């Protein structure tokens, strides 16, 4: 039996795969919040998780505080969280 691209697209959007993606996305967000520097607390409270669909489901961790870009540029906390989550699997 051959697997078509349509079958793979359906699999990539299935509730099971979307759930797995969101579990990992939430894990990364938790690492970011746990490791975030605290001055005003805005960066920590501005971390949000969402999902979007392209050809597959994609989990997004977004930082909404106005200083988020500056904090990420100085500390690299979000980039390091992805690497840390990958090591903890």
Protein backbone atom coordinates (compact mmCIF):
# COMPACT_ATOMS: atom_id res chain seq x y z
CA UNK A 1 0.00 0.00 0.00
CA UNK A 2 1.35 3.38 -1.00
CA UNK A 3 1.04 6.46 1.15
CA UNK A 4 0.03 9.59 -0.71
CA UNK A 5 0.89 13.19 0.10
CA UNK A 6 -2.75 13.68 1.01
CA UNK A 7 -2.44 10.94 3.64
CA UNK A 8 0.65 12.59 5.10
CA UNK A 9 -1.04 16.00 5.14
CA UNK A 10 -4.02 14.54 6.99
CA UNK A 11 -1.69 12.84 9.48
CA UNK A 12 0.26 16.06 10.07
CA UNK A 13 -3.00 17.85 10.95
CA UNK A 14 -4.48 15.07 13.06
CA UNK A 15 -5.48 15.76 16.68
CA UNK A 16 -2.80 13.36 17.93
CA UNK A 17 0.03 15.14 16.11
CA UNK A 18 -1.34 18.58 16.96
CA UNK A 19 -1.52 17.52 20.61
CA UNK A 20 2.09 16.31 20.56
CA UNK A 21 3.22 19.56 18.95
CA UNK A 22 1.38 21.63 21.55
CA UNK A 23 2.79 19.57 24.45
CA UNK A 24 6.32 20.32 23.22
CA UNK A 25 5.44 23.97 22.61
CA UNK A 26 4.11 24.28 26.17
CA UNK A 27 7.25 22.60 27.49
CA UNK A 28 9.41 25.17 25.71
CA UNK A 29 7.24 28.03 27.02
CA UNK A 30 7.58 26.68 30.57
CA UNK A 31 11.38 26.59 30.24
CA UNK A 32 11.37 30.18 28.97
CA UNK A 33 9.20 31.38 31.86
CA UNK A 34 11.28 29.47 34.43
CA UNK A 35 14.58 30.86 33.09
CA UNK A 36 13.39 34.40 32.29
CA UNK A 37 15.05 37.33 34.01
CA UNK A 38 12.73 39.29 36.27
CA UNK A 39 12.87 43.07 36.39
CA UNK A 40 9.28 44.12 35.94
CA UNK A 41 7.85 40.66 35.22
CA UNK A 42 6.51 41.83 31.86
CA UNK A 43 8.61 39.39 29.85
CA UNK A 44 7.41 36.39 31.88
CA UNK A 45 3.76 37.34 31.74
CA UNK A 46 4.06 38.15 28.04
CA UNK A 47 4.93 34.57 27.01
CA UNK A 48 2.01 33.01 25.13
CA UNK A 49 1.51 29.75 23.27
CA UNK A 50 -0.58 29.38 20.13
CA UNK A 51 -0.88 27.15 17.11
CA UNK A 52 -1.22 27.79 13.43
CA UNK A 53 -1.73 25.52 10.48
CA UNK A 54 0.37 25.58 7.37
CA UNK A 55 0.89 22.26 5.67
CA UNK A 56 1.01 20.89 9.20
CA UNK A 57 0.29 22.14 12.70
CA UNK A 58 2.93 24.45 14.11
CA UNK A 59 3.29 25.51 17.75
CA UNK A 60 4.30 29.09 18.44
CA UNK A 61 5.78 30.60 21.58
CA UNK A 62 5.34 34.35 21.40
CA UNK A 63 6.71 37.08 23.63
CA UNK A 64 4.43 40.12 23.68
CA UNK A 65 6.18 42.47 26.09
CA UNK A 66 7.54 45.55 24.28
CA UNK A 67 11.04 44.80 25.62
CA UNK A 68 10.99 41.14 24.51
CA UNK A 69 13.16 41.67 21.45
CA UNK A 70 15.78 43.50 23.52
CA UNK A 71 15.72 40.81 26.24
CA UNK A 72 16.06 38.03 23.65
CA UNK A 73 18.90 39.87 21.90
CA UNK A 74 20.81 40.25 25.16
CA UNK A 75 20.11 36.86 26.73
CA UNK A 76 19.09 34.45 23.94
CA UNK A 77 16.71 32.88 26.44
CA UNK A 78 14.12 31.74 23.90
CA UNK A 79 16.68 30.19 21.56
CA UNK A 80 18.36 28.38 24.46
CA UNK A 81 14.99 27.06 25.67
CA UNK A 82 14.47 25.22 22.38
CA UNK A 83 17.89 23.57 22.69
CA UNK A 84 17.28 22.74 26.36
CA UNK A 85 13.91 21.15 25.54
CA UNK A 86 15.51 19.04 22.81
CA UNK A 87 18.14 17.75 25.26
CA UNK A 88 15.50 16.80 27.87
CA UNK A 89 13.55 14.43 25.61
